C-alpha atoms as a PDB file:
ATOM      1  CA  UNK A   1     -21.301  90.857   3.080  1.00  0.00           C
ATOM      2  CA  UNK A   2     -24.094  90.144   1.032  1.00  0.00           C
ATOM      3  CA  UNK A   3     -25.114  87.046  -0.304  1.00  0.00           C
ATOM      4  CA  UNK A   4     -27.393  85.509  -3.393  1.00  0.00           C
ATOM      5  CA  UNK A   5     -29.215  82.606  -2.552  1.00  0.00           C
ATOM      6  CA  UNK A   6     -28.896  79.324  -4.280  1.00  0.00           C
ATOM      7  CA  UNK A   7     -31.189  79.224  -7.457  1.00  0.00           C
ATOM      8  CA  UNK A   8     -34.140  77.152  -6.819  1.00  0.00           C
ATOM      9  CA  UNK A   9     -33.104  75.293 -10.084  1.00  0.00           C
ATOM     10  CA  UNK A  10     -29.874  73.590  -8.293  1.00  0.00           C
ATOM     11  CA  UNK A  11     -31.159  71.229  -5.849  1.00  0.00           C
ATOM     12  CA  UNK A  12     -29.460  71.345  -2.141  1.00  0.00           C
ATOM     13  CA  UNK A  13     -26.054  68.879  -2.467  1.00  0.00           C
ATOM     14  CA  UNK A  14     -26.331  68.590  -6.074  1.00  0.00           C
ATOM     15  CA  UNK A  15     -22.517  67.890  -7.011  1.00  0.00           C
ATOM     16  CA  UNK A  16     -20.905  68.931  -3.823  1.00  0.00           C
ATOM     17  CA  UNK A  17     -18.466  71.487  -4.316  1.00  0.00           C
ATOM     18  CA  UNK A  18     -19.923  73.405  -7.098  1.00  0.00           C
ATOM     19  CA  UNK A  19     -22.758  74.973  -6.155  1.00  0.00           C
ATOM     20  CA  UNK A  20     -22.561  76.185  -2.342  1.00  0.00           C
ATOM     21  CA  UNK A  21     -25.738  77.797  -1.022  1.00  0.00           C
ATOM     22  CA  UNK A  22     -24.931  80.842  -1.260  1.00  0.00           C
ATOM     23  CA  UNK A  23     -22.884  82.937  -3.818  1.00  0.00           C
ATOM     24  CA  UNK A  24     -21.128  85.872  -2.265  1.00  0.00           C
ATOM     25  CA  UNK A  25     -21.740  89.151  -3.859  1.00  0.00           C
ATOM     26  CA  UNK A  26     -19.197  90.727  -5.857  1.00  0.00           C
ATOM     27  CA  UNK A  27     -20.184  94.107  -5.199  1.00  0.00           C
ATOM     28  CA  UNK A  28     -19.609  93.833  -1.499  1.00  0.00           C
ATOM     29  CA  UNK A  29     -15.692  93.085  -1.931  1.00  0.00           C
ATOM     30  CA  UNK A  30     -14.729  95.416  -5.100  1.00  0.00           C
ATOM     31  CA  UNK A  31     -15.249  98.603  -6.202  1.00  0.00           C
ATOM     32  CA  UNK A  32     -18.637  99.571  -6.733  1.00  0.00           C
ATOM     33  CA  UNK A  33     -20.084  98.310 -10.227  1.00  0.00           C
ATOM     34  CA  UNK A  34     -23.401  98.273 -12.225  1.00  0.00           C
ATOM     35  CA  UNK A  35     -24.991  95.840 -10.320  1.00  0.00           C
ATOM     36  CA  UNK A  36     -26.474  94.321 -13.434  1.00  0.00           C
ATOM     37  CA  UNK A  37     -22.550  93.794 -14.371  1.00  0.00           C
ATOM     38  CA  UNK A  38     -22.510  91.248 -11.494  1.00  0.00           C
ATOM     39  CA  UNK A  39     -25.698  89.758 -11.881  1.00  0.00           C
ATOM     40  CA  UNK A  40     -24.855  88.974 -15.747  1.00  0.00           C
ATOM     41  CA  UNK A  41     -21.619  87.484 -14.830  1.00  0.00           C
ATOM     42  CA  UNK A  42     -23.097  85.612 -11.924  1.00  0.00           C
ATOM     43  CA  UNK A  43     -25.862  84.139 -14.554  1.00  0.00           C
ATOM     44  CA  UNK A  44     -23.183  83.168 -17.038  1.00  0.00           C
ATOM     45  CA  UNK A  45     -21.346  81.269 -14.193  1.00  0.00           C
ATOM     46  CA  UNK A  46     -24.186  79.483 -12.933  1.00  0.00           C
ATOM     47  CA  UNK A  47     -25.205  78.273 -16.581  1.00  0.00           C
ATOM     48  CA  UNK A  48     -21.922  77.244 -17.179  1.00  0.00           C
ATOM     49  CA  UNK A  49     -21.617  75.008 -14.084  1.00  0.00           C
ATOM     50  CA  UNK A  50     -25.335  73.892 -13.584  1.00  0.00           C
ATOM     51  CA  UNK A  51     -27.036  71.059 -14.932  1.00  0.00           C
ATOM     52  CA  UNK A  52     -28.767  71.981 -18.552  1.00  0.00           C
ATOM     53  CA  UNK A  53     -31.882  73.069 -18.268  1.00  0.00           C
ATOM     54  CA  UNK A  54     -34.521  74.750 -20.415  1.00  0.00           C
ATOM     55  CA  UNK A  55     -34.867  78.115 -18.021  1.00  0.00           C
ATOM     56  CA  UNK A  56     -33.611  81.497 -18.420  1.00  0.00           C
ATOM     57  CA  UNK A  57     -32.469  83.008 -15.171  1.00  0.00           C
ATOM     58  CA  UNK A  58     -33.431  87.036 -14.520  1.00  0.00           C
ATOM     59  CA  UNK A  59     -31.893  88.649 -11.838  1.00  0.00           C
ATOM     60  CA  UNK A  60     -33.881  91.958 -10.437  1.00  0.00           C
ATOM     61  CA  UNK A  61     -32.428  94.502  -7.886  1.00  0.00           C
ATOM     62  CA  UNK A  62     -34.707  96.494  -5.679  1.00  0.00           C
ATOM     63  CA  UNK A  63     -33.058  99.939  -5.353  1.00  0.00           C
ATOM     64  CA  UNK A  64     -35.400 101.534  -2.834  1.00  0.00           C
ATOM     65  CA  UNK A  65     -34.135 103.207  -0.305  1.00  0.00           C
ATOM     66  CA  UNK A  66     -30.341 103.910   0.442  1.00  0.00           C
ATOM     67  CA  UNK A  67     -29.677 101.144   2.860  1.00  0.00           C
ATOM     68  CA  UNK A  68     -28.606  97.329   2.251  1.00  0.00           C
ATOM     69  CA  UNK A  69     -30.420  95.990  -1.251  1.00  0.00           C
ATOM     70  CA  UNK A  70     -32.068  92.719  -1.121  1.00  0.00           C
ATOM     71  CA  UNK A  71     -31.594  90.712  -4.387  1.00  0.00           C
ATOM     72  CA  UNK A  72     -33.963  88.283  -6.010  1.00  0.00           C
ATOM     73  CA  UNK A  73     -33.557  85.360  -8.017  1.00  0.00           C
ATOM     74  CA  UNK A  74     -36.535  84.646 -10.155  1.00  0.00           C
ATOM     75  CA  UNK A  75     -36.645  81.227 -12.636  1.00  0.00           C
ATOM     76  CA  UNK A  76     -38.596  82.399 -15.605  1.00  0.00           C
ATOM     77  CA  UNK A  77     -39.734  80.215 -18.774  1.00  0.00           C
ATOM     78  CA  UNK A  78     -39.260  83.021 -20.726  1.00  0.00           C
ATOM     79  CA  UNK A  79     -37.389  82.744 -24.424  1.00  0.00           C
ATOM     80  CA  UNK A  80     -33.548  81.312 -24.244  1.00  0.00           C
ATOM     81  CA  UNK A  81     -31.026  82.878 -25.794  1.00  0.00           C
ATOM     82  CA  UNK A  82     -29.359  81.401 -28.662  1.00  0.00           C
ATOM     83  CA  UNK A  83     -25.655  80.791 -26.928  1.00  0.00           C
ATOM     84  CA  UNK A  84     -27.411  78.988 -24.289  1.00  0.00           C
ATOM     85  CA  UNK A  85     -29.813  76.756 -26.765  1.00  0.00           C
ATOM     86  CA  UNK A  86     -26.444  75.920 -28.453  1.00  0.00           C
ATOM     87  CA  UNK A  87     -24.727  74.597 -25.120  1.00  0.00           C
ATOM     88  CA  UNK A  88     -27.420  72.507 -24.594  1.00  0.00           C
ATOM     89  CA  UNK A  89     -27.488  71.344 -27.801  1.00  0.00           C
ATOM     90  CA  UNK A  90     -23.838  70.269 -28.006  1.00  0.00           C
ATOM     91  CA  UNK A  91     -24.659  68.720 -24.542  1.00  0.00           C
ATOM     92  CA  UNK A  92     -27.355  66.768 -25.574  1.00  0.00           C
ATOM     93  CA  UNK A  93     -25.442  65.754 -29.045  1.00  0.00           C
ATOM     94  CA  UNK A  94     -22.583  64.196 -26.911  1.00  0.00           C
ATOM     95  CA  UNK A  95     -24.405  62.216 -24.458  1.00  0.00           C
ATOM     96  CA  UNK A  96     -26.458  60.631 -27.133  1.00  0.00           C
ATOM     97  CA  UNK A  97     -23.548  59.853 -29.043  1.00  0.00           C
ATOM     98  CA  UNK A  98     -22.155  58.470 -25.501  1.00  0.00           C
ATOM     99  CA  UNK A  99     -25.247  56.143 -25.294  1.00  0.00           C
ATOM    100  CA  UNK A 100     -25.282  55.193 -28.410  1.00  0.00           C
ATOM    101  CA  UNK A 101     -21.434  54.266 -28.632  1.00  0.00           C
ATOM    102  CA  UNK A 102     -22.023  52.355 -25.266  1.00  0.00           C
ATOM    103  CA  UNK A 103     -25.281  50.480 -27.031  1.00  0.00           C
ATOM    104  CA  UNK A 104     -23.111  49.354 -30.090  1.00  0.00           C
ATOM    105  CA  UNK A 105     -20.406  48.075 -27.823  1.00  0.00           C
ATOM    106  CA  UNK A 106     -22.717  46.060 -25.716  1.00  0.00           C
ATOM    107  CA  UNK A 107     -24.909  44.646 -28.804  1.00  0.00           C
ATOM    108  CA  UNK A 108     -21.357  43.555 -30.523  1.00  0.00           C
ATOM    109  CA  UNK A 109     -20.545  41.895 -27.232  1.00  0.00           C
ATOM    110  CA  UNK A 110     -23.840  39.720 -27.374  1.00  0.00           C
ATOM    111  CA  UNK A 111     -22.893  38.771 -30.771  1.00  0.00           C
ATOM    112  CA  UNK A 112     -19.607  37.651 -29.417  1.00  0.00           C
ATOM    113  CA  UNK A 113     -21.296  35.486 -26.840  1.00  0.00           C
ATOM    114  CA  UNK A 114     -23.123  32.324 -27.116  1.00  0.00           C
ATOM    115  CA  UNK A 115     -25.589  30.987 -28.150  1.00  0.00           C
ATOM    116  CA  UNK A 116     -24.242  31.003 -31.690  1.00  0.00           C
ATOM    117  CA  UNK A 117     -24.646  28.800 -34.667  1.00  0.00           C
ATOM    118  CA  UNK A 118     -20.918  28.394 -35.083  1.00  0.00           C
ATOM    119  CA  UNK A 119     -20.013  27.265 -31.576  1.00  0.00           C
ATOM    120  CA  UNK A 120     -19.910  23.653 -31.532  1.00  0.00           C
ATOM    121  CA  UNK A 121     -21.002  21.699 -28.204  1.00  0.00           C
ATOM    122  CA  UNK A 122     -17.729  22.249 -26.483  1.00  0.00           C
ATOM    123  CA  UNK A 123     -17.271  25.612 -27.749  1.00  0.00           C
ATOM    124  CA  UNK A 124     -20.790  26.590 -25.907  1.00  0.00           C
ATOM    125  CA  UNK A 125     -19.693  25.164 -22.743  1.00  0.00           C
ATOM    126  CA  UNK A 126     -16.493  26.820 -23.001  1.00  0.00           C
ATOM    127  CA  UNK A 127     -17.324  30.554 -24.047  1.00  0.00           C
ATOM    128  CA  UNK A 128     -20.733  30.159 -21.318  1.00  0.00           C
ATOM    129  CA  UNK A 129     -18.068  28.822 -18.501  1.00  0.00           C
ATOM    130  CA  UNK A 130     -15.403  31.818 -19.609  1.00  0.00           C
ATOM    131  CA  UNK A 131     -18.411  34.582 -19.638  1.00  0.00           C
ATOM    132  CA  UNK A 132     -19.878  33.481 -16.076  1.00  0.00           C
ATOM    133  CA  UNK A 133     -16.446  33.884 -14.391  1.00  0.00           C
ATOM    134  CA  UNK A 134     -16.681  37.522 -14.850  1.00  0.00           C
ATOM    135  CA  UNK A 135     -20.555  38.357 -14.521  1.00  0.00           C
ATOM    136  CA  UNK A 136     -20.343  41.390 -14.652  1.00  0.00           C
ATOM    137  CA  UNK A 137     -17.754  42.985 -16.461  1.00  0.00           C
ATOM    138  CA  UNK A 138     -19.268  43.449 -19.837  1.00  0.00           C
ATOM    139  CA  UNK A 139     -22.419  44.993 -18.004  1.00  0.00           C
ATOM    140  CA  UNK A 140     -23.793  44.513 -14.818  1.00  0.00           C
ATOM    141  CA  UNK A 141     -25.400  40.636 -14.580  1.00  0.00           C
ATOM    142  CA  UNK A 142     -24.462  40.205 -18.324  1.00  0.00           C
ATOM    143  CA  UNK A 143     -23.193  36.732 -17.727  1.00  0.00           C
ATOM    144  CA  UNK A 144     -26.215  35.953 -16.191  1.00  0.00           C
ATOM    145  CA  UNK A 145     -28.174  36.990 -19.258  1.00  0.00           C
ATOM    146  CA  UNK A 146     -26.000  34.993 -21.486  1.00  0.00           C
ATOM    147  CA  UNK A 147     -26.616  31.596 -19.359  1.00  0.00           C
ATOM    148  CA  UNK A 148     -30.305  32.054 -19.519  1.00  0.00           C
ATOM    149  CA  UNK A 149     -29.947  33.043 -22.937  1.00  0.00           C
ATOM    150  CA  UNK A 150     -28.561  29.872 -23.572  1.00  0.00           C
ATOM    151  CA  UNK A 151     -30.875  27.530 -22.353  1.00  0.00           C
ATOM    152  CA  UNK A 152     -33.983  26.017 -23.459  1.00  0.00           C
ATOM    153  CA  UNK A 153     -37.527  26.621 -22.258  1.00  0.00           C
ATOM    154  CA  UNK A 154     -37.374  23.666 -20.095  1.00  0.00           C
ATOM    155  CA  UNK A 155     -33.746  24.454 -18.425  1.00  0.00           C
ATOM    156  CA  UNK A 156     -34.905  28.185 -18.136  1.00  0.00           C
ATOM    157  CA  UNK A 157     -37.824  27.241 -16.185  1.00  0.00           C
ATOM    158  CA  UNK A 158     -35.556  25.090 -13.711  1.00  0.00           C
ATOM    159  CA  UNK A 159     -33.285  28.235 -13.373  1.00  0.00           C
ATOM    160  CA  UNK A 160     -36.696  30.295 -12.253  1.00  0.00           C
ATOM    161  CA  UNK A 161     -37.592  27.758  -9.987  1.00  0.00           C
ATOM    162  CA  UNK A 162     -34.257  27.593  -8.414  1.00  0.00           C
ATOM    163  CA  UNK A 163     -34.789  31.377  -7.084  1.00  0.00           C
ATOM    164  CA  UNK A 164     -38.218  31.072  -6.496  1.00  0.00           C
ATOM    165  CA  UNK A 165     -39.252  33.169  -9.529  1.00  0.00           C
ATOM    166  CA  UNK A 166     -42.403  32.524 -11.536  1.00  0.00           C
ATOM    167  CA  UNK A 167     -43.055  31.710 -15.215  1.00  0.00           C
ATOM    168  CA  UNK A 168     -43.982  35.338 -16.236  1.00  0.00           C
ATOM    169  CA  UNK A 169     -41.035  37.144 -13.861  1.00  0.00           C
ATOM    170  CA  UNK A 170     -39.441  39.611 -15.852  1.00  0.00           C
ATOM    171  CA  UNK A 171     -35.999  38.134 -17.121  1.00  0.00           C
ATOM    172  CA  UNK A 172     -33.969  41.037 -15.487  1.00  0.00           C
ATOM    173  CA  UNK A 173     -35.244  40.396 -12.189  1.00  0.00           C
ATOM    174  CA  UNK A 174     -34.019  36.357 -12.823  1.00  0.00           C
ATOM    175  CA  UNK A 175     -30.810  37.582 -13.639  1.00  0.00           C
ATOM    176  CA  UNK A 176     -30.619  39.307 -10.253  1.00  0.00           C
ATOM    177  CA  UNK A 177     -32.131  36.683  -8.661  1.00  0.00           C
ATOM    178  CA  UNK A 178     -29.496  34.254  -9.939  1.00  0.00           C
ATOM    179  CA  UNK A 179     -26.612  36.601  -9.184  1.00  0.00           C
ATOM    180  CA  UNK A 180     -27.731  37.001  -5.447  1.00  0.00           C
ATOM    181  CA  UNK A 181     -27.705  33.376  -5.270  1.00  0.00           C
ATOM    182  CA  UNK A 182     -25.091  32.067  -7.271  1.00  0.00           C
ATOM    183  CA  UNK A 183     -22.542  34.840  -5.452  1.00  0.00           C
ATOM    184  CA  UNK A 184     -23.925  34.329  -1.972  1.00  0.00           C
ATOM    185  CA  UNK A 185     -20.906  33.093   0.274  1.00  0.00           C
ATOM    186  CA  UNK A 186     -20.386  29.177   0.498  1.00  0.00           C
ATOM    187  CA  UNK A 187     -22.804  28.390  -2.547  1.00  0.00           C
ATOM    188  CA  UNK A 188     -20.970  25.151  -4.347  1.00  0.00           C
ATOM    189  CA  UNK A 189     -22.214  27.179  -7.493  1.00  0.00           C
ATOM    190  CA  UNK A 190     -19.933  30.068  -6.690  1.00  0.00           C
ATOM    191  CA  UNK A 191     -17.111  28.245  -8.226  1.00  0.00           C
ATOM    192  CA  UNK A 192     -18.535  29.189 -11.933  1.00  0.00           C
ATOM    193  CA  UNK A 193     -18.787  33.173 -11.056  1.00  0.00           C
ATOM    194  CA  UNK A 194     -15.469  33.978  -9.527  1.00  0.00           C
ATOM    195  CA  UNK A 195     -16.386  33.417  -5.962  1.00  0.00           C
ATOM    196  CA  UNK A 196     -13.404  30.768  -4.901  1.00  0.00           C
ATOM    197  CA  UNK A 197     -12.682  26.860  -5.893  1.00  0.00           C
ATOM    198  CA  UNK A 198     -13.113  25.835  -2.417  1.00  0.00           C
ATOM    199  CA  UNK A 199     -10.441  23.297  -3.167  1.00  0.00           C
ATOM    200  CA  UNK A 200      -8.932  22.249   0.644  1.00  0.00           C
ATOM    201  CA  UNK A 201      -9.134  18.810   0.985  1.00  0.00           C
ATOM    202  CA  UNK A 202     -10.634  18.222  -2.728  1.00  0.00           C
ATOM    203  CA  UNK A 203      -9.889  14.340  -4.453  1.00  0.00           C
ATOM    204  CA  UNK A 204      -6.806  13.806  -6.695  1.00  0.00           C
ATOM    205  CA  UNK A 205      -7.920  11.856  -9.490  1.00  0.00           C
ATOM    206  CA  UNK A 206      -5.780  11.046 -12.201  1.00  0.00           C
ATOM    207  CA  UNK A 207      -7.905  11.013 -15.817  1.00  0.00           C
ATOM    208  CA  UNK A 208      -4.700  11.224 -17.888  1.00  0.00           C
ATOM    209  CA  UNK A 209      -5.893   8.537 -19.861  1.00  0.00           C
ATOM    210  CA  UNK A 210      -8.841  10.378 -21.045  1.00  0.00           C
ATOM    211  CA  UNK A 211      -7.065  13.266 -22.116  1.00  0.00           C
ATOM    212  CA  UNK A 212      -6.520  13.776 -26.231  1.00  0.00           C
ATOM    213  CA  UNK A 213      -6.993  16.253 -28.623  1.00  0.00           C
ATOM    214  CA  UNK A 214      -5.895  20.082 -28.592  1.00  0.00           C
ATOM    215  CA  UNK A 215      -9.172  21.533 -26.875  1.00  0.00           C
ATOM    216  CA  UNK A 216      -8.920  18.801 -24.292  1.00  0.00           C
ATOM    217  CA  UNK A 217      -7.773  21.108 -21.209  1.00  0.00           C
ATOM    218  CA  UNK A 218      -8.359  25.116 -21.332  1.00  0.00           C
ATOM    219  CA  UNK A 219      -7.140  27.109 -18.304  1.00  0.00           C
ATOM    220  CA  UNK A 220      -9.033  30.119 -16.750  1.00  0.00           C
ATOM    221  CA  UNK A 221      -7.696  32.924 -14.710  1.00  0.00           C
ATOM    222  CA  UNK A 222      -8.926  35.804 -12.571  1.00  0.00           C
ATOM    223  CA  UNK A 223      -6.956  38.496 -11.445  1.00  0.00           C
ATOM    224  CA  UNK A 224      -4.155  37.467 -12.926  1.00  0.00           C
ATOM    225  CA  UNK A 225      -3.973  34.179 -11.432  1.00  0.00           C
ATOM    226  CA  UNK A 226      -4.419  30.541 -12.479  1.00  0.00           C
ATOM    227  CA  UNK A 227      -8.353  29.965 -11.125  1.00  0.00           C
ATOM    228  CA  UNK A 228      -9.428  26.525 -12.559  1.00  0.00           C
ATOM    229  CA  UNK A 229      -8.781  24.609 -15.759  1.00  0.00           C
ATOM    230  CA  UNK A 230     -11.676  23.097 -18.138  1.00  0.00           C
ATOM    231  CA  UNK A 231     -10.854  19.384 -18.774  1.00  0.00           C
ATOM    232  CA  UNK A 232     -12.800  17.437 -21.652  1.00  0.00           C
ATOM    233  CA  UNK A 233     -11.931  13.831 -21.187  1.00  0.00           C
ATOM    234  CA  UNK A 234     -13.928  12.165 -23.875  1.00  0.00           C
ATOM    235  CA  UNK A 235     -15.353  13.349 -27.421  1.00  0.00           C
ATOM    236  CA  UNK A 236     -18.550  15.081 -27.461  1.00  0.00           C
ATOM    237  CA  UNK A 237     -21.434  12.312 -27.597  1.00  0.00           C
ATOM    238  CA  UNK A 238     -23.829  13.623 -30.857  1.00  0.00           C
ATOM    239  CA  UNK A 239     -26.817  11.546 -30.461  1.00  0.00           C
ATOM    240  CA  UNK A 240     -27.427  12.436 -34.381  1.00  0.00           C
ATOM    241  CA  UNK A 241     -31.177  13.529 -33.531  1.00  0.00           C
ATOM    242  CA  UNK A 242     -30.720  17.276 -32.633  1.00  0.00           C
ATOM    243  CA  UNK A 243     -29.287  16.244 -29.034  1.00  0.00           C
ATOM    244  CA  UNK A 244     -25.659  15.798 -27.475  1.00  0.00           C
ATOM    245  CA  UNK A 245     -23.775  15.295 -24.302  1.00  0.00           C
ATOM    246  CA  UNK A 246     -20.563  16.812 -23.460  1.00  0.00           C
ATOM    247  CA  UNK A 247     -18.563  16.052 -19.931  1.00  0.00           C
ATOM    248  CA  UNK A 248     -16.146  18.841 -18.711  1.00  0.00           C
ATOM    249  CA  UNK A 249     -14.269  18.385 -15.423  1.00  0.00           C
ATOM    250  CA  UNK A 250     -13.081  21.690 -13.636  1.00  0.00           C
ATOM    251  CA  UNK A 251      -9.514  21.224 -11.969  1.00  0.00           C
ATOM    252  CA  UNK A 252      -7.746  23.844  -9.416  1.00  0.00           C
ATOM    253  CA  UNK A 253      -5.260  26.031 -11.383  1.00  0.00           C
ATOM    254  CA  UNK A 254      -2.857  25.199  -9.004  1.00  0.00           C
ATOM    255  CA  UNK A 255      -2.577  21.725  -7.518  1.00  0.00           C
ATOM    256  CA  UNK A 256      -4.830  20.274 -10.594  1.00  0.00           C
ATOM    257  CA  UNK A 257      -6.962  18.833  -7.954  1.00  0.00           C
ATOM    258  CA  UNK A 258     -10.514  17.384  -9.632  1.00  0.00           C
ATOM    259  CA  UNK A 259     -13.316  19.763  -7.992  1.00  0.00           C
ATOM    260  CA  UNK A 260     -16.179  19.241 -10.200  1.00  0.00           C
ATOM    261  CA  UNK A 261     -17.778  17.240 -12.938  1.00  0.00           C
ATOM    262  CA  UNK A 262     -20.517  18.415 -15.400  1.00  0.00           C
ATOM    263  CA  UNK A 263     -22.181  16.573 -17.603  1.00  0.00           C
ATOM    264  CA  UNK A 264     -24.043  18.924 -20.353  1.00  0.00           C
ATOM    265  CA  UNK A 265     -27.272  17.806 -21.980  1.00  0.00           C
ATOM    266  CA  UNK A 266     -27.884  19.972 -25.122  1.00  0.00           C
ATOM    267  CA  UNK A 267     -30.323  20.470 -27.460  1.00  0.00           C
ATOM    268  CA  UNK A 268     -30.189  22.213 -31.005  1.00  0.00           C
ATOM    269  CA  UNK A 269     -32.621  25.361 -31.034  1.00  0.00           C
ATOM    270  CA  UNK A 270     -35.414  25.146 -33.694  1.00  0.00           C
ATOM    271  CA  UNK A 271     -34.407  28.303 -34.990  1.00  0.00           C
ATOM    272  CA  UNK A 272     -30.732  28.843 -36.165  1.00  0.00           C
ATOM    273  CA  UNK A 273     -29.632  25.222 -35.212  1.00  0.00           C
ATOM    274  CA  UNK A 274     -27.645  26.765 -31.825  1.00  0.00           C
ATOM    275  CA  UNK A 275     -26.676  24.417 -29.335  1.00  0.00           C
ATOM    276  CA  UNK A 276     -28.856  25.098 -25.660  1.00  0.00           C
ATOM    277  CA  UNK A 277     -28.225  23.685 -22.542  1.00  0.00           C
ATOM    278  CA  UNK A 278     -31.022  21.457 -21.661  1.00  0.00           C
ATOM    279  CA  UNK A 279     -29.872  20.098 -18.216  1.00  0.00           C
ATOM    280  CA  UNK A 280     -26.489  20.164 -16.320  1.00  0.00           C
ATOM    281  CA  UNK A 281     -25.901  17.173 -14.305  1.00  0.00           C
ATOM    282  CA  UNK A 282     -23.317  18.503 -11.551  1.00  0.00           C
ATOM    283  CA  UNK A 283     -21.239  15.942  -9.464  1.00  0.00           C
ATOM    284  CA  UNK A 284     -19.166  17.951  -6.636  1.00  0.00           C
ATOM    285  CA  UNK A 285     -15.710  16.298  -5.118  1.00  0.00           C
ATOM    286  CA  UNK A 286     -15.218  18.953  -2.957  1.00  0.00           C
ATOM    287  CA  UNK A 287     -15.352  17.252   0.568  1.00  0.00           C
ATOM    288  CA  UNK A 288     -17.323  20.543   1.496  1.00  0.00           C
ATOM    289  CA  UNK A 289     -20.139  20.064  -0.981  1.00  0.00           C
ATOM    290  CA  UNK A 290     -20.402  16.479  -1.058  1.00  0.00           C
ATOM    291  CA  UNK A 291     -22.349  14.767  -1.893  1.00  0.00           C
ATOM    292  CA  UNK A 292     -23.959  17.860  -3.697  1.00  0.00           C
ATOM    293  CA  UNK A 293     -27.329  19.361  -2.996  1.00  0.00           C
ATOM    294  CA  UNK A 294     -30.310  17.222  -3.411  1.00  0.00           C
ATOM    295  CA  UNK A 295     -28.427  14.242  -4.875  1.00  0.00           C
ATOM    296  CA  UNK A 296     -26.472  10.907  -3.807  1.00  0.00           C
ATOM    297  CA  UNK A 297     -22.510  10.580  -4.225  1.00  0.00           C
ATOM    298  CA  UNK A 298     -21.224   9.078  -7.613  1.00  0.00           C
ATOM    299  CA  UNK A 299     -18.875   5.881  -6.686  1.00  0.00           C
ATOM    300  CA  UNK A 300     -15.507   7.778  -6.597  1.00  0.00           C
ATOM    301  CA  UNK A 301     -14.281   5.392  -9.433  1.00  0.00           C
ATOM    302  CA  UNK A 302     -17.159   6.291 -11.621  1.00  0.00           C
ATOM    303  CA  UNK A 303     -15.891  10.203 -11.792  1.00  0.00           C
END
């Protein structure tokens, strides 16, 4: 049986199963037909299956002698048929519309996320924690993009320094570095990005006296199960000078054990007045991580 070599414009192994290395010559397994008909059929099949490309296939047969014939596949940059141009234009248009749709969805999602002038201090903290819990759900590293965008220039410098990134480092590289660090196994900040609460042996602290208001406690779920709850034991401390302080407590979603206490120092942006994170004071009550990296333990009665 004669075979036609794989045309050169189809890479080896490209889309396995669709492009074999050789295509059986139909003339060898059927009644004699004009070879131009077989090649035309083969060309239409390849154009339908192959990636759209601005090439035209021209097949020619060598009729020298009466023995076996050898077929050559010649790739030419000659004029394209109108049908092929129409197919390529349709493919490109579909691709363009799909890309624009994804870009619109991502822009809409960014508008929904902080920072926003419409968010109060507690709203900023809640929205930021919710976004970080599934950092890659919207797009790769999206949660870290939101975190970085919610920080003042001073705190962005702290984040860069924490992962060894210089001042001129591209934002995308900072997001990747933060992801690699925070999602690393046994990292105490992994609780924020869905890596587990590590609550074994955590301290049970009663803070019922500090609860008050409809927004005092919010529960977050991960994979359909309670992950942790966010508790705001006190009202926002607004210094009335463009800065504020919010305390939040993370509790185990099942046992209600106190996991971490976070103190958020916030500052209004000079542009739209949205609240931004200027510092985070972290206190860990999980025995695995106490007293926390680079700091002394608080007195338990003060936590």
